[in-house]
Amino acid sequence: MLIIIFFDSKFKDNIKRYIFQCILAIISIMFILLFLNYFVYTTIIASLGATTFIVFTMPKTHSAQTKNILGGYTLGIVFGIIFHLISIFLIDIIDSINLHTLYMITGALSVGVTSFIMTITNTEHPPAVGMALSLILTPWEFKTLFFVYLCIILMIVVKKLLKKQLIDLQ
């Protein structure tokens, strides 16, 4: 009886959809891990993992809409790059700056500014805020950012193709 309390009330009637949509998430992450060096880009992978969860388990929610995913990641990447460049600039002009403090400040600013701009443009996608932070804390290359866009576009295409089969699992 106690176990039943923890299961979603829709699970029993939609078990095939739950399994199918979670398999889509597994395939998405396997694709990402196949092409992305997960030892170097761990925070970027975490961001994409969270997006995968939203897209395939909550496809009808505000955060899972195409505008939010693309807009959110665009903003997260733009402000991540901006604050990354600010970090590099400050390291070059201030000899005695503590790197931990610098990354703490620029990382926090990247999250705050990205969150603010996402909310005023109505493109909220929480994992994309993590992307902004990851560009401060993790080494990256522009080809990695291209790959991120490729992954999110593929997820959006799959979601659109399977629109009638996908339900919110929440």
N, C-alpha and C. Protein backbone atom coordinates (compact mmCIF):
# COMPACT_ATOMS: atom_id res chain seq x y z
N MET A 1 0.82 -1.19 0.00
CA MET A 1 0.00 0.00 0.00
C MET A 1 0.87 1.26 0.00
N LEU A 2 1.94 1.25 0.77
CA LEU A 2 2.81 2.41 0.87
C LEU A 2 3.48 2.71 -0.48
N ILE A 3 3.82 1.68 -1.24
CA ILE A 3 4.46 1.86 -2.54
C ILE A 3 3.53 2.60 -3.50
N ILE A 4 2.26 2.32 -3.46
CA ILE A 4 1.30 2.95 -4.36
C ILE A 4 1.27 4.46 -4.17
N ILE A 5 1.49 4.95 -2.99
CA ILE A 5 1.48 6.38 -2.70
C ILE A 5 2.57 7.11 -3.49
N PHE A 6 3.70 6.46 -3.74
CA PHE A 6 4.82 7.09 -4.42
C PHE A 6 4.69 7.10 -5.95
N PHE A 7 3.78 6.33 -6.50
CA PHE A 7 3.61 6.26 -7.95
C PHE A 7 2.63 7.33 -8.41
N ASP A 8 2.92 7.92 -9.54
CA ASP A 8 2.04 8.89 -10.18
C ASP A 8 0.72 8.20 -10.50
N SER A 9 -0.38 8.88 -10.27
CA SER A 9 -1.69 8.28 -10.49
C SER A 9 -1.92 7.96 -11.97
N LYS A 10 -1.22 8.64 -12.88
CA LYS A 10 -1.36 8.38 -14.31
C LYS A 10 -0.51 7.21 -14.78
N PHE A 11 0.42 6.74 -13.95
CA PHE A 11 1.36 5.71 -14.36
C PHE A 11 0.67 4.43 -14.83
N LYS A 12 -0.26 3.95 -14.07
CA LYS A 12 -0.91 2.67 -14.37
C LYS A 12 -1.56 2.68 -15.75
N ASP A 13 -2.19 3.79 -16.11
CA ASP A 13 -2.89 3.86 -17.40
C ASP A 13 -1.97 4.24 -18.56
N ASN A 14 -0.76 4.67 -18.26
CA ASN A 14 0.15 5.16 -19.31
C ASN A 14 1.54 4.53 -19.23
N ILE A 15 1.63 3.33 -18.73
CA ILE A 15 2.94 2.72 -18.50
C ILE A 15 3.80 2.67 -19.77
N LYS A 16 3.18 2.38 -20.93
CA LYS A 16 3.95 2.33 -22.17
C LYS A 16 4.52 3.70 -22.53
N ARG A 17 3.75 4.74 -22.32
CA ARG A 17 4.25 6.09 -22.61
C ARG A 17 5.39 6.47 -21.66
N TYR A 18 5.24 6.13 -20.40
CA TYR A 18 6.31 6.43 -19.43
C TYR A 18 7.61 5.76 -19.87
N ILE A 19 7.52 4.50 -20.23
CA ILE A 19 8.71 3.76 -20.65
C ILE A 19 9.26 4.34 -21.96
N PHE A 20 8.39 4.58 -22.93
CA PHE A 20 8.81 5.12 -24.22
C PHE A 20 9.51 6.46 -24.07
N GLN A 21 8.92 7.36 -23.31
CA GLN A 21 9.49 8.70 -23.17
C GLN A 21 10.81 8.67 -22.40
N CYS A 22 10.94 7.78 -21.45
CA CYS A 22 12.21 7.66 -20.74
C CYS A 22 13.28 7.00 -21.62
N ILE A 23 12.87 6.11 -22.51
CA ILE A 23 13.82 5.55 -23.48
C ILE A 23 14.32 6.64 -24.42
N LEU A 24 13.45 7.57 -24.81
CA LEU A 24 13.88 8.70 -25.63
C LEU A 24 14.95 9.52 -24.90
N ALA A 25 14.77 9.70 -23.61
CA ALA A 25 15.76 10.43 -22.81
C ALA A 25 17.09 9.66 -22.78
N ILE A 26 17.02 8.36 -22.62
CA ILE A 26 18.23 7.53 -22.60
C ILE A 26 18.98 7.65 -23.93
N ILE A 27 18.25 7.55 -25.02
CA ILE A 27 18.88 7.64 -26.34
C ILE A 27 19.51 9.02 -26.54
N SER A 28 18.84 10.06 -26.10
CA SER A 28 19.38 11.42 -26.23
C SER A 28 20.69 11.57 -25.49
N ILE A 29 20.73 11.10 -24.26
CA ILE A 29 21.96 11.23 -23.47
C ILE A 29 23.06 10.32 -24.03
N MET A 30 22.70 9.14 -24.52
CA MET A 30 23.72 8.28 -25.14
C MET A 30 24.34 8.98 -26.35
N PHE A 31 23.52 9.65 -27.16
CA PHE A 31 24.01 10.40 -28.31
C PHE A 31 24.97 11.51 -27.86
N ILE A 32 24.57 12.24 -26.83
CA ILE A 32 25.41 13.33 -26.32
C ILE A 32 26.74 12.78 -25.81
N LEU A 33 26.69 11.72 -25.03
CA LEU A 33 27.92 11.15 -24.48
C LEU A 33 28.81 10.51 -25.54
N LEU A 34 28.21 10.06 -26.62
CA LEU A 34 28.97 9.47 -27.70
C LEU A 34 29.90 10.50 -28.36
N PHE A 35 29.44 11.73 -28.45
CA PHE A 35 30.18 12.75 -29.19
C PHE A 35 30.84 13.82 -28.32
N LEU A 36 30.48 13.89 -27.08
CA LEU A 36 31.01 14.95 -26.22
C LEU A 36 31.90 14.34 -25.15
N ASN A 37 33.08 14.90 -24.97
CA ASN A 37 34.02 14.40 -23.96
C ASN A 37 33.47 14.73 -22.58
N TYR A 38 32.86 13.75 -21.95
CA TYR A 38 32.19 14.00 -20.67
C TYR A 38 33.16 14.22 -19.52
N PHE A 39 34.44 13.98 -19.70
CA PHE A 39 35.39 14.30 -18.64
C PHE A 39 35.75 15.78 -18.64
N VAL A 40 35.70 16.42 -19.79
CA VAL A 40 36.04 17.84 -19.89
C VAL A 40 34.80 18.71 -19.73
N TYR A 41 33.70 18.29 -20.32
CA TYR A 41 32.51 19.14 -20.39
C TYR A 41 31.39 18.66 -19.46
N THR A 42 31.72 18.29 -18.25
CA THR A 42 30.72 17.70 -17.35
C THR A 42 29.56 18.62 -17.04
N THR A 43 29.81 19.91 -16.82
CA THR A 43 28.69 20.79 -16.48
C THR A 43 27.80 21.03 -17.69
N ILE A 44 28.38 21.03 -18.88
CA ILE A 44 27.58 21.20 -20.09
C ILE A 44 26.68 19.99 -20.28
N ILE A 45 27.20 18.82 -20.03
CA ILE A 45 26.40 17.59 -20.14
C ILE A 45 25.27 17.61 -19.11
N ALA A 46 25.54 18.09 -17.92
CA ALA A 46 24.50 18.15 -16.89
C ALA A 46 23.36 19.05 -17.35
N SER A 47 23.69 20.15 -17.97
CA SER A 47 22.68 21.06 -18.49
C SER A 47 21.82 20.37 -19.55
N LEU A 48 22.46 19.66 -20.47
CA LEU A 48 21.71 18.94 -21.50
C LEU A 48 20.89 17.79 -20.92
N GLY A 49 21.39 17.18 -19.86
CA GLY A 49 20.63 16.12 -19.18
C GLY A 49 19.34 16.67 -18.60
N ALA A 50 19.42 17.84 -18.01
CA ALA A 50 18.22 18.46 -17.45
C ALA A 50 17.23 18.85 -18.55
N THR A 51 17.75 19.33 -19.68
CA THR A 51 16.88 19.66 -20.81
C THR A 51 16.20 18.40 -21.33
N THR A 52 16.95 17.31 -21.42
CA THR A 52 16.38 16.04 -21.87
C THR A 52 15.22 15.63 -20.97
N PHE A 53 15.40 15.78 -19.68
CA PHE A 53 14.33 15.44 -18.73
C PHE A 53 13.08 16.28 -19.02
N ILE A 54 13.27 17.58 -19.17
CA ILE A 54 12.13 18.47 -19.40
C ILE A 54 11.43 18.13 -20.72
N VAL A 55 12.20 17.98 -21.78
CA VAL A 55 11.64 17.74 -23.11
C VAL A 55 10.86 16.43 -23.17
N PHE A 56 11.38 15.37 -22.55
CA PHE A 56 10.75 14.06 -22.72
C PHE A 56 9.86 13.61 -21.56
N THR A 57 9.87 14.32 -20.45
CA THR A 57 8.95 13.95 -19.37
C THR A 57 7.90 15.03 -19.11
N MET A 58 8.16 16.25 -19.58
CA MET A 58 7.21 17.34 -19.39
C MET A 58 7.08 18.13 -20.70
N PRO A 59 6.78 17.47 -21.81
CA PRO A 59 6.83 18.12 -23.13
C PRO A 59 5.83 19.25 -23.34
N LYS A 60 4.80 19.31 -22.54
CA LYS A 60 3.77 20.34 -22.73
C LYS A 60 3.99 21.57 -21.84
N THR A 61 4.98 21.53 -20.97
CA THR A 61 5.20 22.64 -20.05
C THR A 61 5.83 23.84 -20.75
N HIS A 62 5.77 24.96 -20.08
CA HIS A 62 6.33 26.22 -20.61
C HIS A 62 7.82 26.06 -20.92
N SER A 63 8.57 25.46 -20.02
CA SER A 63 10.03 25.31 -20.21
C SER A 63 10.39 24.40 -21.37
N ALA A 64 9.47 23.54 -21.80
CA ALA A 64 9.75 22.59 -22.87
C ALA A 64 9.38 23.12 -24.25
N GLN A 65 8.87 24.33 -24.32
CA GLN A 65 8.48 24.88 -25.62
C GLN A 65 9.73 25.29 -26.41
N THR A 66 9.64 25.18 -27.71
CA THR A 66 10.77 25.46 -28.60
C THR A 66 11.36 26.85 -28.33
N LYS A 67 10.51 27.85 -28.22
CA LYS A 67 10.98 29.22 -27.97
C LYS A 67 11.81 29.30 -26.68
N ASN A 68 11.37 28.59 -25.68
CA ASN A 68 12.07 28.63 -24.40
C ASN A 68 13.41 27.89 -24.46
N ILE A 69 13.43 26.76 -25.12
CA ILE A 69 14.67 25.99 -25.20
C ILE A 69 15.71 26.75 -26.01
N LEU A 70 15.33 27.15 -27.23
CA LEU A 70 16.29 27.87 -28.08
C LEU A 70 16.64 29.24 -27.51
N GLY A 71 15.64 29.98 -27.06
CA GLY A 71 15.89 31.30 -26.49
C GLY A 71 16.69 31.21 -25.21
N GLY A 72 16.34 30.25 -24.35
CA GLY A 72 17.05 30.09 -23.09
C GLY A 72 18.51 29.73 -23.31
N TYR A 73 18.77 28.78 -24.19
CA TYR A 73 20.16 28.40 -24.46
C TYR A 73 20.93 29.52 -25.14
N THR A 74 20.28 30.24 -26.03
CA THR A 74 20.96 31.37 -26.68
C THR A 74 21.38 32.39 -25.63
N LEU A 75 20.47 32.74 -24.75
CA LEU A 75 20.80 33.70 -23.69
C LEU A 75 21.86 33.14 -22.74
N GLY A 76 21.72 31.88 -22.35
CA GLY A 76 22.70 31.27 -21.45
C GLY A 76 24.09 31.26 -22.06
N ILE A 77 24.17 30.94 -23.33
CA ILE A 77 25.46 30.90 -24.00
C ILE A 77 26.02 32.31 -24.18
N VAL A 78 25.19 33.25 -24.60
CA VAL A 78 25.66 34.63 -24.81
C VAL A 78 26.20 35.21 -23.50
N PHE A 79 25.44 35.09 -22.41
CA PHE A 79 25.90 35.68 -21.16
C PHE A 79 27.02 34.87 -20.52
N GLY A 80 27.04 33.57 -20.77
CA GLY A 80 28.17 32.76 -20.31
C GLY A 80 29.46 33.21 -20.99
N ILE A 81 29.39 33.46 -22.30
CA ILE A 81 30.57 33.92 -23.04
C ILE A 81 30.98 35.32 -22.57
N ILE A 82 30.00 36.21 -22.41
CA ILE A 82 30.30 37.57 -21.96
C ILE A 82 31.03 37.56 -20.62
N PHE A 83 30.50 36.82 -19.66
CA PHE A 83 31.13 36.81 -18.34
C PHE A 83 32.43 36.00 -18.34
N HIS A 84 32.56 35.05 -19.23
CA HIS A 84 33.83 34.35 -19.41
C HIS A 84 34.89 35.34 -19.90
N LEU A 85 34.52 36.15 -20.89
CA LEU A 85 35.46 37.15 -21.42
C LEU A 85 35.80 38.20 -20.37
N ILE A 86 34.83 38.58 -19.57
CA ILE A 86 35.09 39.52 -18.48
C ILE A 86 36.10 38.92 -17.51
N SER A 87 35.95 37.62 -17.21
CA SER A 87 36.90 36.94 -16.33
C SER A 87 38.32 37.01 -16.89
N ILE A 88 38.45 36.69 -18.18
CA ILE A 88 39.77 36.72 -18.82
C ILE A 88 40.34 38.13 -18.80
N PHE A 89 39.51 39.12 -19.08
CA PHE A 89 39.95 40.52 -19.07
C PHE A 89 40.44 40.91 -17.68
N LEU A 90 39.68 40.57 -16.65
CA LEU A 90 40.06 40.95 -15.29
C LEU A 90 41.33 40.22 -14.83
N ILE A 91 41.50 38.98 -15.24
CA ILE A 91 42.73 38.25 -14.90
C ILE A 91 43.94 38.96 -15.49
N ASP A 92 43.78 39.45 -16.72
CA ASP A 92 44.89 40.12 -17.41
C ASP A 92 45.22 41.49 -16.83
N ILE A 93 44.22 42.20 -16.29
CA ILE A 93 44.52 43.56 -15.81
C ILE A 93 44.76 43.64 -14.30
N ILE A 94 44.30 42.65 -13.56
CA ILE A 94 44.49 42.67 -12.10
C ILE A 94 45.38 41.48 -11.73
N ASP A 95 46.63 41.77 -11.44
CA ASP A 95 47.60 40.70 -11.17
C ASP A 95 47.29 39.91 -9.90
N SER A 96 46.79 40.56 -8.90
CA SER A 96 46.64 39.89 -7.61
C SER A 96 45.24 39.33 -7.37
N ILE A 97 44.44 39.23 -8.40
CA ILE A 97 43.06 38.77 -8.21
C ILE A 97 43.02 37.27 -7.89
N ASN A 98 42.21 36.92 -6.93
CA ASN A 98 42.01 35.53 -6.53
C ASN A 98 41.06 34.89 -7.55
N LEU A 99 41.51 33.83 -8.23
CA LEU A 99 40.71 33.20 -9.27
C LEU A 99 39.39 32.63 -8.74
N HIS A 100 39.45 32.06 -7.56
CA HIS A 100 38.22 31.51 -6.96
C HIS A 100 37.19 32.62 -6.78
N THR A 101 37.61 33.74 -6.26
CA THR A 101 36.70 34.87 -6.04
C THR A 101 36.19 35.41 -7.38
N LEU A 102 37.07 35.53 -8.34
CA LEU A 102 36.68 36.02 -9.66
C LEU A 102 35.63 35.12 -10.30
N TYR A 103 35.86 33.81 -10.28
CA TYR A 103 34.90 32.88 -10.88
C TYR A 103 33.59 32.85 -10.08
N MET A 104 33.68 33.03 -8.78
CA MET A 104 32.48 33.08 -7.96
C MET A 104 31.63 34.28 -8.37
N ILE A 105 32.26 35.43 -8.53
CA ILE A 105 31.53 36.66 -8.88
C ILE A 105 30.98 36.59 -10.31
N THR A 106 31.84 36.25 -11.27
CA THR A 106 31.38 36.21 -12.67
C THR A 106 30.38 35.07 -12.90
N GLY A 107 30.56 33.96 -12.21
CA GLY A 107 29.59 32.87 -12.31
C GLY A 107 28.23 33.28 -11.78
N ALA A 108 28.21 33.92 -10.62
CA ALA A 108 26.96 34.38 -10.04
C ALA A 108 26.30 35.43 -10.93
N LEU A 109 27.10 36.34 -11.47
CA LEU A 109 26.54 37.35 -12.37
C LEU A 109 25.97 36.72 -13.64
N SER A 110 26.66 35.72 -14.18
CA SER A 110 26.14 35.06 -15.39
C SER A 110 24.78 34.42 -15.13
N VAL A 111 24.62 33.80 -13.96
CA VAL A 111 23.35 33.18 -13.59
C VAL A 111 22.27 34.25 -13.38
N GLY A 112 22.60 35.28 -12.63
CA GLY A 112 21.63 36.34 -12.33
C GLY A 112 21.17 37.09 -13.57
N VAL A 113 22.10 37.48 -14.41
CA VAL A 113 21.75 38.23 -15.62
C VAL A 113 20.98 37.35 -16.59
N THR A 114 21.43 36.12 -16.77
CA THR A 114 20.71 35.20 -17.68
C THR A 114 19.29 34.97 -17.17
N SER A 115 19.13 34.74 -15.88
CA SER A 115 17.79 34.53 -15.31
C SER A 115 16.90 35.75 -15.53
N PHE A 116 17.46 36.92 -15.29
CA PHE A 116 16.69 38.16 -15.46
C PHE A 116 16.24 38.32 -16.91
N ILE A 117 17.15 38.17 -17.85
CA ILE A 117 16.81 38.37 -19.26
C ILE A 117 15.83 37.29 -19.74
N MET A 118 16.01 36.05 -19.28
CA MET A 118 15.06 35.00 -19.65
C MET A 118 13.65 35.34 -19.17
N THR A 119 13.54 35.83 -17.95
CA THR A 119 12.21 36.10 -17.42
C THR A 119 11.55 37.29 -18.11
N ILE A 120 12.33 38.32 -18.45
CA ILE A 120 11.69 39.47 -19.11
C ILE A 120 11.40 39.21 -20.59
N THR A 121 12.06 38.23 -21.19
CA THR A 121 11.78 37.86 -22.58
C THR A 121 10.86 36.64 -22.67
N ASN A 122 10.46 36.12 -21.53
CA ASN A 122 9.56 34.96 -21.47
C ASN A 122 10.14 33.74 -22.19
N THR A 123 11.44 33.53 -21.99
CA THR A 123 12.12 32.36 -22.59
C THR A 123 12.77 31.51 -21.49
N GLU A 124 12.04 31.30 -20.40
CA GLU A 124 12.59 30.57 -19.27
C GLU A 124 12.83 29.10 -19.62
N HIS A 125 14.07 28.69 -19.44
CA HIS A 125 14.45 27.29 -19.56
C HIS A 125 15.58 27.07 -18.55
N PRO A 126 15.26 26.61 -17.34
CA PRO A 126 16.24 26.53 -16.25
C PRO A 126 17.58 25.88 -16.59
N PRO A 127 17.64 24.78 -17.34
CA PRO A 127 18.96 24.20 -17.63
C PRO A 127 19.89 25.16 -18.39
N ALA A 128 19.31 26.07 -19.15
CA ALA A 128 20.14 27.01 -19.91
C ALA A 128 20.85 28.00 -19.00
N VAL A 129 20.30 28.25 -17.82
CA VAL A 129 21.00 29.08 -16.84
C VAL A 129 22.24 28.34 -16.37
N GLY A 130 22.12 27.02 -16.22
CA GLY A 130 23.28 26.20 -15.88
C GLY A 130 24.35 26.27 -16.96
N MET A 131 23.93 26.40 -18.20
CA MET A 131 24.89 26.55 -19.31
C MET A 131 25.71 27.83 -19.14
N ALA A 132 25.05 28.91 -18.76
CA ALA A 132 25.77 30.17 -18.54
C ALA A 132 26.85 29.99 -17.48
N LEU A 133 26.50 29.34 -16.39
CA LEU A 133 27.46 29.09 -15.32
C LEU A 133 28.58 28.15 -15.78
N SER A 134 28.23 27.13 -16.54
CA SER A 134 29.24 26.17 -16.97
C SER A 134 30.29 26.81 -17.87
N LEU A 135 29.92 27.83 -18.61
CA LEU A 135 30.90 28.50 -19.48
C LEU A 135 31.90 29.34 -18.69
N ILE A 136 31.59 29.59 -17.44
CA ILE A 136 32.55 30.26 -16.54
C ILE A 136 33.46 29.22 -15.89
N LEU A 137 32.89 28.10 -15.49
CA LEU A 137 33.60 27.13 -14.65
C LEU A 137 34.28 25.99 -15.40
N THR A 138 33.95 25.80 -16.66
CA THR A 138 34.45 24.65 -17.43
C THR A 138 35.17 25.12 -18.68
N PRO A 139 36.29 24.51 -19.02
CA PRO A 139 36.91 24.84 -20.32
C PRO A 139 35.96 24.42 -21.44
N TRP A 140 35.91 25.20 -22.50
CA TRP A 140 35.02 24.89 -23.61
C TRP A 140 35.59 25.45 -24.91
N GLU A 141 35.02 24.99 -26.00
CA GLU A 141 35.40 25.47 -27.32
C GLU A 141 34.12 25.83 -28.06
N PHE A 142 34.23 26.65 -29.10
CA PHE A 142 33.03 27.03 -29.85
C PHE A 142 32.37 25.84 -30.52
N LYS A 143 33.15 24.83 -30.90
CA LYS A 143 32.54 23.64 -31.50
C LYS A 143 31.66 22.92 -30.49
N THR A 144 31.98 23.04 -29.20
CA THR A 144 31.15 22.46 -28.15
C THR A 144 29.79 23.15 -28.12
N LEU A 145 29.80 24.46 -28.27
CA LEU A 145 28.54 25.21 -28.26
C LEU A 145 27.70 24.87 -29.49
N PHE A 146 28.36 24.66 -30.62
CA PHE A 146 27.65 24.20 -31.83
C PHE A 146 26.99 22.85 -31.55
N PHE A 147 27.71 21.97 -30.89
CA PHE A 147 27.18 20.65 -30.57
C PHE A 147 25.98 20.76 -29.62
N VAL A 148 26.05 21.69 -28.67
CA VAL A 148 24.91 21.90 -27.76
C VAL A 148 23.67 22.27 -28.57
N TYR A 149 23.83 23.21 -29.50
CA TYR A 149 22.69 23.59 -30.34
C TYR A 149 22.19 22.41 -31.17
N LEU A 150 23.09 21.63 -31.70
CA LEU A 150 22.69 20.45 -32.47
C LEU A 150 21.85 19.52 -31.60
N CYS A 151 22.29 19.28 -30.39
CA CYS A 151 21.56 18.38 -29.47
C CYS A 151 20.16 18.92 -29.15
N ILE A 152 20.07 20.20 -28.84
CA ILE A 152 18.75 20.73 -28.48
C ILE A 152 17.82 20.77 -29.70
N ILE A 153 18.38 21.03 -30.87
CA ILE A 153 17.55 21.03 -32.09
C ILE A 153 17.05 19.61 -32.37
N LEU A 154 17.91 18.62 -32.20
CA LEU A 154 17.48 17.23 -32.40
C LEU A 154 16.38 16.85 -31.40
N MET A 155 16.52 17.26 -30.15
CA MET A 155 15.48 16.97 -29.16
C MET A 155 14.16 17.63 -29.54
N ILE A 156 14.23 18.87 -30.01
CA ILE A 156 13.02 19.59 -30.41
C ILE A 156 12.37 18.90 -31.61
N VAL A 157 13.16 18.48 -32.57
CA VAL A 157 12.62 17.79 -33.75
C VAL A 157 11.94 16.48 -33.34
N VAL A 158 12.59 15.70 -32.50
CA VAL A 158 11.98 14.44 -32.04
C VAL A 158 10.69 14.74 -31.29
N LYS A 159 10.71 15.74 -30.44
CA LYS A 159 9.51 16.11 -29.68
C LYS A 159 8.38 16.50 -30.62
N LYS A 160 8.68 17.28 -31.64
CA LYS A 160 7.65 17.70 -32.60
C LYS A 160 7.13 16.51 -33.42
N LEU A 161 8.03 15.63 -33.84
CA LEU A 161 7.61 14.46 -34.61
C LEU A 161 6.71 13.52 -33.80
N LEU A 162 6.96 13.46 -32.50
CA LEU A 162 6.21 12.54 -31.63
C LEU A 162 5.18 13.27 -30.77
N LYS A 163 4.82 14.47 -31.16
CA LYS A 163 3.94 15.32 -30.36
C LYS A 163 2.68 14.59 -29.87
N LYS A 164 2.05 13.81 -30.75
CA LYS A 164 0.80 13.13 -30.38
C LYS A 164 1.02 11.98 -29.39
N GLN A 165 2.23 11.42 -29.38
CA GLN A 165 2.51 10.30 -28.48
C GLN A 165 3.01 10.74 -27.11
N LEU A 166 3.53 11.97 -27.00
CA LEU A 166 4.14 12.42 -25.75
C LEU A 166 3.11 13.08 -24.84
N ILE A 167 3.18 12.74 -23.58
CA ILE A 167 2.32 13.36 -22.57
C ILE A 167 3.22 13.88 -21.44
N ASP A 168 2.68 14.78 -20.65
CA ASP A 168 3.39 15.20 -19.44
C ASP A 168 3.33 14.06 -18.44
N LEU A 169 4.45 13.63 -17.97
CA LEU A 169 4.51 12.52 -17.03
C LEU A 169 4.46 13.00 -15.58
N GLN A 170 4.28 14.25 -15.39
CA GLN A 170 4.26 14.80 -14.03
C GLN A 170 2.90 14.66 -13.39
